[in-house]
Amino acid sequence: YGTGNGPNEVVERNLSAITADGLTAVEPLSFQESVFNAPASLISIEFGFRGPLLALPMGWAAGGYAIATAADLIRFGHAETVVVVVSDEMSAIGNSAMRGLRLISKQTEASELLRPFSADASGASNGEGAAAIVVEARQAAESRGNAPLAILRDWSMTSDSCGVGPKRSAGGIQAAMAQALDQAAEQEPDVIFSGSYL
């Protein structure tokens, strides 16, 4: 399970109750509902999943990290099939914090908002949503008669060791892309997709 901000709505509701209403306690289920792995746990309970359960609070890179982690679980024999779920929800507190860190674009025109590789990029644009995909070993898909929609040949993950904020460092991005391309090139892929979290 990948997420950037976790279950913000529950956290915001509890903080508002304490600060606005002067409460000295919060709802009994606050802990269970506000930890970052809460959605992953609920999904596993709902569908009866019994394999590894991971929550990756990785900011905007959470989706890519979740897919790569699923592929690693399969590559190293810990699973044959992995359900990857990513989600994020908006909240006033979360948006305020991101604006304070100057991570959110000041642009108002849609064509100017999402330009992560532009020299004059001014930040991100927040949104909320969820998605789920199945990542599985080729033999697992073939045994059920399913043709894969895509094949993940190789991947790489790095960190730029740069703190949160407007300072940009391309070192981590360059290293991740170079590693993934080097590894994938050995298998002669048809299509190369590279994504990054800036």
N, C-alpha and C. Protein backbone atom coordinates (compact mmCIF):
# COMPACT_ATOMS: atom_id res chain seq x y z
N TYR A 1 0.85 -1.18 0.00
CA TYR A 1 0.00 0.00 0.00
C TYR A 1 0.89 1.23 0.00
N GLY A 2 0.67 2.13 -0.93
CA GLY A 2 1.44 3.36 -0.99
C GLY A 2 0.57 4.57 -0.73
N THR A 3 1.12 5.53 -0.01
CA THR A 3 0.38 6.75 0.29
C THR A 3 1.36 7.89 0.50
N GLY A 4 0.91 9.08 0.19
CA GLY A 4 1.73 10.25 0.44
C GLY A 4 1.45 10.85 1.80
N ASN A 5 0.18 10.92 2.16
CA ASN A 5 -0.22 11.63 3.38
C ASN A 5 -0.96 10.77 4.38
N GLY A 6 -1.27 9.54 4.02
CA GLY A 6 -2.01 8.69 4.96
C GLY A 6 -3.45 9.16 5.13
N PRO A 7 -4.10 8.67 6.18
CA PRO A 7 -5.52 9.01 6.42
C PRO A 7 -5.67 10.40 7.03
N ASN A 8 -5.48 11.42 6.23
CA ASN A 8 -5.50 12.81 6.69
C ASN A 8 -6.82 13.23 7.33
N GLU A 9 -7.92 12.74 6.78
CA GLU A 9 -9.23 13.20 7.25
C GLU A 9 -9.44 12.87 8.72
N VAL A 10 -9.03 11.68 9.14
CA VAL A 10 -9.18 11.28 10.55
C VAL A 10 -8.30 12.14 11.44
N VAL A 11 -7.07 12.35 11.02
CA VAL A 11 -6.15 13.18 11.80
C VAL A 11 -6.69 14.60 11.93
N GLU A 12 -7.15 15.15 10.81
CA GLU A 12 -7.68 16.52 10.84
C GLU A 12 -8.92 16.61 11.74
N ARG A 13 -9.79 15.62 11.67
CA ARG A 13 -11.00 15.62 12.50
C ARG A 13 -10.64 15.62 13.98
N ASN A 14 -9.66 14.81 14.36
CA ASN A 14 -9.27 14.74 15.77
C ASN A 14 -8.56 16.01 16.23
N LEU A 15 -7.69 16.56 15.38
CA LEU A 15 -7.01 17.80 15.75
C LEU A 15 -8.01 18.94 15.90
N SER A 16 -8.99 18.98 15.01
CA SER A 16 -10.01 20.03 15.10
C SER A 16 -10.82 19.90 16.38
N ALA A 17 -11.14 18.67 16.75
CA ALA A 17 -11.92 18.45 17.97
C ALA A 17 -11.14 18.92 19.20
N ILE A 18 -9.85 18.68 19.20
CA ILE A 18 -9.03 19.07 20.34
C ILE A 18 -8.82 20.58 20.38
N THR A 19 -8.45 21.17 19.24
CA THR A 19 -8.13 22.60 19.23
C THR A 19 -9.37 23.49 19.27
N ALA A 20 -10.41 23.12 18.53
CA ALA A 20 -11.60 23.97 18.47
C ALA A 20 -12.53 23.75 19.64
N ASP A 21 -12.69 22.50 20.03
CA ASP A 21 -13.66 22.18 21.07
C ASP A 21 -13.03 21.99 22.45
N GLY A 22 -11.70 22.04 22.52
CA GLY A 22 -11.04 21.90 23.81
C GLY A 22 -11.14 20.51 24.41
N LEU A 23 -11.33 19.50 23.58
CA LEU A 23 -11.44 18.14 24.11
C LEU A 23 -10.11 17.68 24.67
N THR A 24 -10.17 16.81 25.66
CA THR A 24 -8.95 16.25 26.25
C THR A 24 -8.74 14.82 25.82
N ALA A 25 -9.63 14.29 25.00
CA ALA A 25 -9.48 12.92 24.49
C ALA A 25 -10.05 12.89 23.07
N VAL A 26 -9.72 11.84 22.35
CA VAL A 26 -10.20 11.70 20.98
C VAL A 26 -11.04 10.44 20.86
N GLU A 27 -11.59 10.21 19.68
CA GLU A 27 -12.44 9.05 19.44
C GLU A 27 -11.69 7.75 19.76
N PRO A 28 -12.39 6.74 20.27
CA PRO A 28 -11.73 5.49 20.65
C PRO A 28 -10.96 4.80 19.52
N LEU A 29 -11.43 4.91 18.29
CA LEU A 29 -10.77 4.24 17.17
C LEU A 29 -9.76 5.13 16.45
N SER A 30 -9.42 6.26 17.05
CA SER A 30 -8.52 7.21 16.38
C SER A 30 -7.20 6.59 15.98
N PHE A 31 -6.59 5.83 16.88
CA PHE A 31 -5.29 5.25 16.56
C PHE A 31 -5.40 4.29 15.38
N GLN A 32 -6.35 3.36 15.46
CA GLN A 32 -6.50 2.37 14.39
C GLN A 32 -6.80 3.01 13.04
N GLU A 33 -7.53 4.11 13.05
CA GLU A 33 -7.94 4.75 11.80
C GLU A 33 -6.93 5.77 11.27
N SER A 34 -6.00 6.22 12.11
CA SER A 34 -5.11 7.30 11.69
C SER A 34 -3.70 6.85 11.34
N VAL A 35 -3.32 5.62 11.67
CA VAL A 35 -1.98 5.16 11.31
C VAL A 35 -1.91 4.94 9.80
N PHE A 36 -0.73 5.07 9.23
CA PHE A 36 -0.58 5.01 7.77
C PHE A 36 -0.94 3.65 7.19
N ASN A 37 -0.82 2.59 7.97
CA ASN A 37 -1.15 1.26 7.43
C ASN A 37 -2.62 0.89 7.62
N ALA A 38 -3.44 1.80 8.13
CA ALA A 38 -4.86 1.49 8.36
C ALA A 38 -5.57 1.05 7.08
N PRO A 39 -5.45 1.77 5.97
CA PRO A 39 -6.13 1.32 4.74
C PRO A 39 -5.64 -0.05 4.28
N ALA A 40 -4.33 -0.29 4.37
CA ALA A 40 -3.79 -1.59 3.96
C ALA A 40 -4.35 -2.71 4.82
N SER A 41 -4.44 -2.47 6.12
CA SER A 41 -4.98 -3.48 7.03
C SER A 41 -6.45 -3.76 6.73
N LEU A 42 -7.22 -2.71 6.49
CA LEU A 42 -8.65 -2.90 6.19
C LEU A 42 -8.84 -3.68 4.89
N ILE A 43 -8.01 -3.39 3.89
CA ILE A 43 -8.09 -4.11 2.61
C ILE A 43 -7.78 -5.59 2.82
N SER A 44 -6.74 -5.87 3.60
CA SER A 44 -6.35 -7.27 3.81
C SER A 44 -7.43 -8.02 4.58
N ILE A 45 -8.07 -7.36 5.53
CA ILE A 45 -9.16 -8.00 6.28
C ILE A 45 -10.35 -8.25 5.36
N GLU A 46 -10.71 -7.24 4.56
CA GLU A 46 -11.87 -7.36 3.67
C GLU A 46 -11.72 -8.51 2.67
N PHE A 47 -10.52 -8.67 2.12
CA PHE A 47 -10.32 -9.69 1.08
C PHE A 47 -9.62 -10.95 1.57
N GLY A 48 -9.27 -11.00 2.83
CA GLY A 48 -8.65 -12.19 3.39
C GLY A 48 -7.23 -12.43 2.93
N PHE A 49 -6.49 -11.36 2.61
CA PHE A 49 -5.09 -11.52 2.21
C PHE A 49 -4.26 -11.98 3.40
N ARG A 50 -3.36 -12.93 3.17
CA ARG A 50 -2.55 -13.46 4.26
C ARG A 50 -1.05 -13.35 4.01
N GLY A 51 -0.66 -12.76 2.92
CA GLY A 51 0.76 -12.62 2.62
C GLY A 51 1.34 -11.38 3.29
N PRO A 52 2.51 -10.95 2.83
CA PRO A 52 3.14 -9.74 3.40
C PRO A 52 2.22 -8.53 3.25
N LEU A 53 2.19 -7.71 4.27
CA LEU A 53 1.37 -6.49 4.27
C LEU A 53 2.30 -5.32 4.55
N LEU A 54 2.45 -4.45 3.59
CA LEU A 54 3.38 -3.33 3.72
C LEU A 54 2.67 -2.01 3.47
N ALA A 55 3.06 -1.00 4.21
CA ALA A 55 2.57 0.36 3.99
C ALA A 55 3.79 1.24 3.72
N LEU A 56 3.77 1.94 2.60
CA LEU A 56 4.90 2.77 2.18
C LEU A 56 4.48 4.23 2.12
N PRO A 57 4.71 4.99 3.19
CA PRO A 57 4.39 6.42 3.17
C PRO A 57 5.53 7.19 2.51
N MET A 58 5.48 7.27 1.18
CA MET A 58 6.63 7.76 0.42
C MET A 58 6.33 9.06 -0.34
N GLY A 59 5.40 9.85 0.14
CA GLY A 59 5.10 11.09 -0.56
C GLY A 59 4.59 10.82 -1.96
N TRP A 60 4.94 11.69 -2.89
CA TRP A 60 4.45 11.56 -4.26
C TRP A 60 5.07 10.37 -4.97
N ALA A 61 6.09 9.77 -4.41
CA ALA A 61 6.73 8.61 -5.03
C ALA A 61 6.09 7.30 -4.59
N ALA A 62 5.05 7.36 -3.76
CA ALA A 62 4.48 6.15 -3.16
C ALA A 62 4.02 5.12 -4.18
N GLY A 63 3.38 5.54 -5.25
CA GLY A 63 2.89 4.59 -6.25
C GLY A 63 4.01 3.81 -6.91
N GLY A 64 5.06 4.52 -7.32
CA GLY A 64 6.20 3.85 -7.94
C GLY A 64 6.91 2.92 -6.97
N TYR A 65 7.08 3.37 -5.73
CA TYR A 65 7.71 2.52 -4.73
C TYR A 65 6.86 1.28 -4.45
N ALA A 66 5.55 1.43 -4.41
CA ALA A 66 4.67 0.29 -4.13
C ALA A 66 4.76 -0.75 -5.24
N ILE A 67 4.78 -0.31 -6.49
CA ILE A 67 4.90 -1.26 -7.61
C ILE A 67 6.26 -1.94 -7.59
N ALA A 68 7.33 -1.18 -7.36
CA ALA A 68 8.67 -1.77 -7.31
C ALA A 68 8.80 -2.75 -6.15
N THR A 69 8.20 -2.42 -5.01
CA THR A 69 8.26 -3.33 -3.86
C THR A 69 7.49 -4.61 -4.15
N ALA A 70 6.34 -4.49 -4.81
CA ALA A 70 5.58 -5.69 -5.20
C ALA A 70 6.42 -6.57 -6.12
N ALA A 71 7.09 -5.95 -7.08
CA ALA A 71 7.93 -6.71 -8.01
C ALA A 71 9.09 -7.38 -7.27
N ASP A 72 9.65 -6.70 -6.27
CA ASP A 72 10.72 -7.31 -5.47
C ASP A 72 10.21 -8.50 -4.67
N LEU A 73 9.01 -8.39 -4.10
CA LEU A 73 8.42 -9.52 -3.36
C LEU A 73 8.31 -10.74 -4.26
N ILE A 74 7.92 -10.51 -5.50
CA ILE A 74 7.80 -11.61 -6.46
C ILE A 74 9.18 -12.11 -6.88
N ARG A 75 10.07 -11.20 -7.20
CA ARG A 75 11.41 -11.58 -7.66
C ARG A 75 12.14 -12.44 -6.62
N PHE A 76 11.97 -12.13 -5.35
CA PHE A 76 12.68 -12.86 -4.30
C PHE A 76 11.88 -14.01 -3.71
N GLY A 77 10.76 -14.35 -4.34
CA GLY A 77 10.02 -15.54 -3.96
C GLY A 77 9.12 -15.42 -2.74
N HIS A 78 8.82 -14.21 -2.31
CA HIS A 78 7.95 -14.03 -1.15
C HIS A 78 6.47 -14.04 -1.52
N ALA A 79 6.17 -13.90 -2.81
CA ALA A 79 4.78 -13.92 -3.28
C ALA A 79 4.77 -14.21 -4.77
N GLU A 80 3.64 -14.73 -5.26
CA GLU A 80 3.45 -14.91 -6.70
C GLU A 80 2.58 -13.80 -7.27
N THR A 81 1.65 -13.33 -6.45
CA THR A 81 0.71 -12.29 -6.86
C THR A 81 0.62 -11.25 -5.75
N VAL A 82 0.68 -9.98 -6.13
CA VAL A 82 0.60 -8.89 -5.15
C VAL A 82 -0.44 -7.88 -5.63
N VAL A 83 -1.34 -7.51 -4.75
CA VAL A 83 -2.30 -6.44 -5.03
C VAL A 83 -1.68 -5.14 -4.52
N VAL A 84 -1.47 -4.21 -5.42
CA VAL A 84 -0.88 -2.92 -5.07
C VAL A 84 -2.00 -1.88 -5.05
N VAL A 85 -2.16 -1.22 -3.91
CA VAL A 85 -3.17 -0.17 -3.76
C VAL A 85 -2.45 1.10 -3.34
N VAL A 86 -2.82 2.21 -3.96
CA VAL A 86 -2.29 3.51 -3.55
C VAL A 86 -3.48 4.46 -3.38
N SER A 87 -3.38 5.32 -2.39
CA SER A 87 -4.46 6.29 -2.20
C SER A 87 -3.96 7.49 -1.41
N ASP A 88 -4.63 8.59 -1.61
CA ASP A 88 -4.39 9.79 -0.83
C ASP A 88 -5.67 10.60 -0.78
N GLU A 89 -5.85 11.31 0.32
CA GLU A 89 -7.02 12.16 0.46
C GLU A 89 -6.56 13.57 0.82
N MET A 90 -7.37 14.52 0.43
CA MET A 90 -7.05 15.92 0.68
C MET A 90 -7.52 16.31 2.08
N SER A 91 -6.83 17.28 2.64
CA SER A 91 -7.27 17.87 3.90
C SER A 91 -6.72 19.28 3.98
N ALA A 92 -7.42 20.12 4.69
CA ALA A 92 -6.98 21.52 4.81
C ALA A 92 -5.63 21.60 5.51
N ILE A 93 -5.42 20.78 6.54
CA ILE A 93 -4.16 20.80 7.27
C ILE A 93 -3.01 20.36 6.37
N GLY A 94 -3.21 19.27 5.63
CA GLY A 94 -2.17 18.78 4.73
C GLY A 94 -1.82 19.79 3.65
N ASN A 95 -2.84 20.40 3.05
CA ASN A 95 -2.59 21.40 2.02
C ASN A 95 -1.87 22.62 2.57
N SER A 96 -2.26 23.03 3.77
CA SER A 96 -1.62 24.18 4.40
C SER A 96 -0.14 23.89 4.66
N ALA A 97 0.15 22.69 5.14
CA ALA A 97 1.54 22.32 5.41
C ALA A 97 2.36 22.31 4.12
N MET A 98 1.79 21.76 3.05
CA MET A 98 2.53 21.71 1.78
C MET A 98 2.74 23.10 1.19
N ARG A 99 1.76 23.96 1.36
CA ARG A 99 1.94 25.34 0.89
C ARG A 99 3.03 26.04 1.71
N GLY A 100 3.03 25.78 3.02
CA GLY A 100 4.05 26.37 3.88
C GLY A 100 5.46 25.93 3.51
N LEU A 101 5.58 24.71 3.02
CA LEU A 101 6.88 24.19 2.58
C LEU A 101 7.21 24.59 1.14
N ARG A 102 6.31 25.33 0.52
CA ARG A 102 6.45 25.79 -0.87
C ARG A 102 6.55 24.62 -1.85
N LEU A 103 5.76 23.57 -1.60
CA LEU A 103 5.72 22.42 -2.49
C LEU A 103 4.60 22.52 -3.52
N ILE A 104 3.63 23.39 -3.27
CA ILE A 104 2.46 23.51 -4.14
C ILE A 104 2.66 24.68 -5.10
N SER A 105 2.33 24.46 -6.35
CA SER A 105 2.49 25.49 -7.38
C SER A 105 1.59 26.69 -7.10
N LYS A 106 2.10 27.86 -7.41
CA LYS A 106 1.30 29.08 -7.30
C LYS A 106 0.54 29.36 -8.58
N GLN A 107 0.79 28.57 -9.61
CA GLN A 107 0.11 28.75 -10.90
C GLN A 107 -1.37 28.43 -10.76
N THR A 108 -2.19 29.10 -11.54
CA THR A 108 -3.63 28.83 -11.53
C THR A 108 -4.11 28.25 -12.85
N GLU A 109 -3.31 28.40 -13.91
CA GLU A 109 -3.68 27.85 -15.21
C GLU A 109 -3.30 26.37 -15.26
N ALA A 110 -4.24 25.54 -15.70
CA ALA A 110 -3.99 24.09 -15.74
C ALA A 110 -2.76 23.73 -16.56
N SER A 111 -2.54 24.43 -17.67
CA SER A 111 -1.40 24.11 -18.54
C SER A 111 -0.06 24.42 -17.88
N GLU A 112 -0.07 25.23 -16.84
CA GLU A 112 1.17 25.62 -16.16
C GLU A 112 1.42 24.82 -14.89
N LEU A 113 0.43 24.06 -14.42
CA LEU A 113 0.55 23.40 -13.13
C LEU A 113 1.53 22.23 -13.12
N LEU A 114 1.35 21.28 -14.00
CA LEU A 114 2.12 20.05 -13.95
C LEU A 114 3.22 20.05 -15.00
N ARG A 115 4.36 20.56 -14.62
CA ARG A 115 5.51 20.61 -15.51
C ARG A 115 6.75 20.24 -14.70
N PRO A 116 6.83 19.00 -14.20
CA PRO A 116 7.91 18.64 -13.27
C PRO A 116 9.31 18.72 -13.85
N PHE A 117 9.46 18.59 -15.16
CA PHE A 117 10.80 18.60 -15.75
C PHE A 117 11.16 19.95 -16.36
N SER A 118 10.30 20.93 -16.17
CA SER A 118 10.56 22.27 -16.70
C SER A 118 11.52 23.01 -15.77
N ALA A 119 12.41 23.79 -16.35
CA ALA A 119 13.37 24.56 -15.55
C ALA A 119 12.66 25.56 -14.64
N ASP A 120 11.47 26.02 -15.04
CA ASP A 120 10.76 26.99 -14.21
C ASP A 120 9.54 26.38 -13.52
N ALA A 121 9.58 25.08 -13.27
CA ALA A 121 8.48 24.43 -12.54
C ALA A 121 8.34 25.09 -11.17
N SER A 122 7.09 25.31 -10.76
CA SER A 122 6.88 26.04 -9.51
C SER A 122 6.27 25.18 -8.41
N GLY A 123 6.21 23.88 -8.60
CA GLY A 123 5.66 23.02 -7.57
C GLY A 123 4.61 22.08 -8.12
N ALA A 124 4.00 21.35 -7.23
CA ALA A 124 3.02 20.33 -7.60
C ALA A 124 1.60 20.86 -7.49
N SER A 125 0.66 20.04 -7.89
CA SER A 125 -0.76 20.34 -7.74
C SER A 125 -1.38 19.17 -6.99
N ASN A 126 -1.97 19.44 -5.84
CA ASN A 126 -2.52 18.37 -5.01
C ASN A 126 -3.82 17.82 -5.57
N GLY A 127 -4.06 16.57 -5.29
CA GLY A 127 -5.31 15.92 -5.66
C GLY A 127 -5.51 14.71 -4.78
N GLU A 128 -6.67 14.09 -4.89
CA GLU A 128 -6.90 12.88 -4.11
C GLU A 128 -7.48 11.81 -5.01
N GLY A 129 -7.24 10.57 -4.64
CA GLY A 129 -7.74 9.46 -5.43
C GLY A 129 -7.16 8.16 -4.95
N ALA A 130 -7.51 7.09 -5.63
CA ALA A 130 -7.01 5.76 -5.29
C ALA A 130 -6.96 4.92 -6.56
N ALA A 131 -6.05 3.96 -6.56
CA ALA A 131 -5.93 3.04 -7.68
C ALA A 131 -5.40 1.71 -7.15
N ALA A 132 -5.72 0.64 -7.87
CA ALA A 132 -5.23 -0.69 -7.50
C ALA A 132 -4.86 -1.45 -8.77
N ILE A 133 -3.75 -2.17 -8.72
CA ILE A 133 -3.35 -3.04 -9.82
C ILE A 133 -2.85 -4.35 -9.24
N VAL A 134 -2.82 -5.37 -10.08
CA VAL A 134 -2.28 -6.67 -9.69
C VAL A 134 -0.93 -6.83 -10.37
N VAL A 135 0.08 -7.11 -9.57
CA VAL A 135 1.42 -7.41 -10.09
C VAL A 135 1.66 -8.88 -9.78
N GLU A 136 2.00 -9.66 -10.80
CA GLU A 136 2.20 -11.08 -10.54
C GLU A 136 3.29 -11.66 -11.43
N ALA A 137 3.80 -12.80 -10.98
CA ALA A 137 4.80 -13.52 -11.75
C ALA A 137 4.17 -13.99 -13.06
N ARG A 138 4.96 -14.03 -14.11
CA ARG A 138 4.45 -14.44 -15.42
C ARG A 138 3.76 -15.80 -15.34
N GLN A 139 4.40 -16.76 -14.65
CA GLN A 139 3.82 -18.11 -14.60
C GLN A 139 2.49 -18.13 -13.86
N ALA A 140 2.31 -17.24 -12.88
CA ALA A 140 1.04 -17.17 -12.16
C ALA A 140 -0.07 -16.69 -13.08
N ALA A 141 0.22 -15.68 -13.90
CA ALA A 141 -0.77 -15.17 -14.85
C ALA A 141 -1.09 -16.21 -15.91
N GLU A 142 -0.05 -16.84 -16.44
CA GLU A 142 -0.25 -17.83 -17.51
C GLU A 142 -1.02 -19.04 -17.01
N SER A 143 -0.82 -19.43 -15.74
CA SER A 143 -1.53 -20.60 -15.21
C SER A 143 -3.03 -20.36 -15.13
N ARG A 144 -3.43 -19.09 -15.07
CA ARG A 144 -4.87 -18.74 -15.05
C ARG A 144 -5.36 -18.34 -16.43
N GLY A 145 -4.49 -18.43 -17.43
CA GLY A 145 -4.89 -18.07 -18.79
C GLY A 145 -4.95 -16.59 -19.04
N ASN A 146 -4.30 -15.79 -18.22
CA ASN A 146 -4.31 -14.34 -18.38
C ASN A 146 -3.08 -13.86 -19.12
N ALA A 147 -3.29 -13.02 -20.10
CA ALA A 147 -2.17 -12.37 -20.79
C ALA A 147 -1.84 -11.08 -20.05
N PRO A 148 -0.56 -10.81 -19.80
CA PRO A 148 -0.21 -9.58 -19.08
C PRO A 148 -0.52 -8.33 -19.90
N LEU A 149 -0.95 -7.28 -19.23
CA LEU A 149 -1.19 -6.00 -19.90
C LEU A 149 0.13 -5.25 -20.09
N ALA A 150 1.08 -5.53 -19.23
CA ALA A 150 2.41 -4.91 -19.32
C ALA A 150 3.40 -5.82 -18.61
N ILE A 151 4.66 -5.69 -18.97
CA ILE A 151 5.71 -6.47 -18.32
C ILE A 151 6.70 -5.49 -17.69
N LEU A 152 6.92 -5.66 -16.41
CA LEU A 152 7.87 -4.83 -15.69
C LEU A 152 9.23 -5.52 -15.77
N ARG A 153 10.12 -4.99 -16.58
CA ARG A 153 11.42 -5.63 -16.81
C ARG A 153 12.39 -5.36 -15.66
N ASP A 154 12.50 -4.12 -15.27
CA ASP A 154 13.41 -3.78 -14.18
C ASP A 154 13.06 -2.41 -13.63
N TRP A 155 13.66 -2.08 -12.52
CA TRP A 155 13.31 -0.85 -11.82
C TRP A 155 14.45 -0.49 -10.90
N SER A 156 14.39 0.70 -10.38
CA SER A 156 15.41 1.15 -9.44
C SER A 156 14.81 2.23 -8.56
N MET A 157 15.29 2.30 -7.34
CA MET A 157 14.83 3.32 -6.40
C MET A 157 16.05 3.92 -5.72
N THR A 158 16.06 5.22 -5.56
CA THR A 158 17.15 5.89 -4.86
C THR A 158 16.58 7.04 -4.04
N SER A 159 17.43 7.66 -3.28
CA SER A 159 17.08 8.86 -2.54
C SER A 159 18.12 9.92 -2.85
N ASP A 160 17.70 11.18 -2.83
CA ASP A 160 18.67 12.24 -3.11
C ASP A 160 19.25 12.83 -1.84
N SER A 161 18.90 12.29 -0.69
CA SER A 161 19.37 12.76 0.62
C SER A 161 19.17 14.26 0.79
N CYS A 162 18.08 14.76 0.23
CA CYS A 162 17.75 16.18 0.29
C CYS A 162 16.49 16.34 1.13
N GLY A 163 16.48 17.30 2.02
CA GLY A 163 15.32 17.49 2.88
C GLY A 163 14.11 18.00 2.14
N VAL A 164 12.98 18.06 2.84
CA VAL A 164 11.74 18.54 2.25
C VAL A 164 11.84 20.04 2.06
N GLY A 165 11.33 20.53 0.94
CA GLY A 165 11.33 21.96 0.69
C GLY A 165 11.68 22.27 -0.74
N PRO A 166 11.83 23.55 -1.04
CA PRO A 166 12.02 23.95 -2.43
C PRO A 166 13.40 23.64 -3.01
N LYS A 167 14.38 23.32 -2.18
CA LYS A 167 15.72 23.01 -2.71
C LYS A 167 15.64 21.76 -3.57
N ARG A 168 16.22 21.82 -4.75
CA ARG A 168 16.17 20.69 -5.68
C ARG A 168 17.55 20.09 -5.84
N SER A 169 17.60 18.76 -5.87
CA SER A 169 18.84 18.05 -6.16
C SER A 169 18.52 16.97 -7.17
N ALA A 170 19.22 16.94 -8.28
CA ALA A 170 18.94 15.96 -9.33
C ALA A 170 19.72 14.67 -9.14
N GLY A 171 20.62 14.60 -8.17
CA GLY A 171 21.47 13.44 -8.01
C GLY A 171 20.71 12.14 -7.84
N GLY A 172 19.73 12.12 -6.96
CA GLY A 172 18.96 10.89 -6.73
C GLY A 172 18.15 10.48 -7.93
N ILE A 173 17.54 11.44 -8.60
CA ILE A 173 16.74 11.16 -9.78
C ILE A 173 17.61 10.58 -10.89
N GLN A 174 18.75 11.22 -11.13
CA GLN A 174 19.66 10.74 -12.17
C GLN A 174 20.14 9.33 -11.88
N ALA A 175 20.50 9.05 -10.63
CA ALA A 175 21.00 7.72 -10.27
C ALA A 175 19.93 6.66 -10.46
N ALA A 176 18.70 6.94 -10.02
CA ALA A 176 17.61 5.96 -10.17
C ALA A 176 17.34 5.66 -11.63
N MET A 177 17.26 6.70 -12.44
CA MET A 177 16.97 6.50 -13.86
C MET A 177 18.11 5.74 -14.56
N ALA A 178 19.34 6.09 -14.24
CA ALA A 178 20.48 5.41 -14.87
C ALA A 178 20.51 3.94 -14.49
N GLN A 179 20.28 3.64 -13.21
CA GLN A 179 20.28 2.24 -12.76
C GLN A 179 19.18 1.43 -13.43
N ALA A 180 17.97 1.98 -13.45
CA ALA A 180 16.85 1.25 -14.05
C ALA A 180 17.06 1.04 -15.54
N LEU A 181 17.54 2.05 -16.24
CA LEU A 181 17.77 1.93 -17.67
C LEU A 181 18.87 0.92 -17.98
N ASP A 182 19.94 0.93 -17.17
CA ASP A 182 21.02 -0.04 -17.37
C ASP A 182 20.51 -1.47 -17.19
N GLN A 183 19.72 -1.69 -16.14
CA GLN A 183 19.21 -3.03 -15.86
C GLN A 183 18.21 -3.47 -16.92
N ALA A 184 17.31 -2.57 -17.31
CA ALA A 184 16.29 -2.93 -18.29
C ALA A 184 16.89 -3.14 -19.68
N ALA A 185 17.94 -2.40 -20.01
CA ALA A 185 18.55 -2.50 -21.33
C ALA A 185 19.09 -3.90 -21.60
N GLU A 186 19.48 -4.60 -20.54
CA GLU A 186 20.00 -5.96 -20.71
C GLU A 186 18.93 -6.90 -21.25
N GLN A 187 17.65 -6.54 -21.04
CA GLN A 187 16.55 -7.40 -21.47
C GLN A 187 15.86 -6.87 -22.73
N GLU A 188 16.38 -5.81 -23.31
CA GLU A 188 15.85 -5.23 -24.54
C GLU A 188 14.33 -5.00 -24.49
N PRO A 189 13.87 -4.11 -23.60
CA PRO A 189 12.43 -3.85 -23.50
C PRO A 189 11.89 -3.13 -24.73
N ASP A 190 10.59 -3.30 -24.98
CA ASP A 190 9.94 -2.62 -26.10
C ASP A 190 9.67 -1.15 -25.77
N VAL A 191 9.29 -0.89 -24.53
CA VAL A 191 8.95 0.46 -24.11
C VAL A 191 9.65 0.73 -22.79
N ILE A 192 10.17 1.92 -22.63
CA ILE A 192 10.78 2.30 -21.36
C ILE A 192 9.95 3.44 -20.78
N PHE A 193 9.49 3.27 -19.56
CA PHE A 193 8.78 4.33 -18.85
C PHE A 193 9.67 4.76 -17.69
N SER A 194 9.87 6.03 -17.54
CA SER A 194 10.59 6.51 -16.37
C SER A 194 9.73 7.57 -15.70
N GLY A 195 9.57 7.42 -14.42
CA GLY A 195 8.80 8.38 -13.64
C GLY A 195 9.67 8.86 -12.50
N SER A 196 9.35 10.02 -11.97
CA SER A 196 10.15 10.51 -10.85
C SER A 196 9.28 11.33 -9.92
N TYR A 197 9.77 11.46 -8.72
CA TYR A 197 9.15 12.32 -7.73
C TYR A 197 10.13 13.47 -7.54
N LEU A 198 9.72 14.65 -7.92
CA LEU A 198 10.63 15.79 -7.83
C LEU A 198 10.36 16.59 -6.59
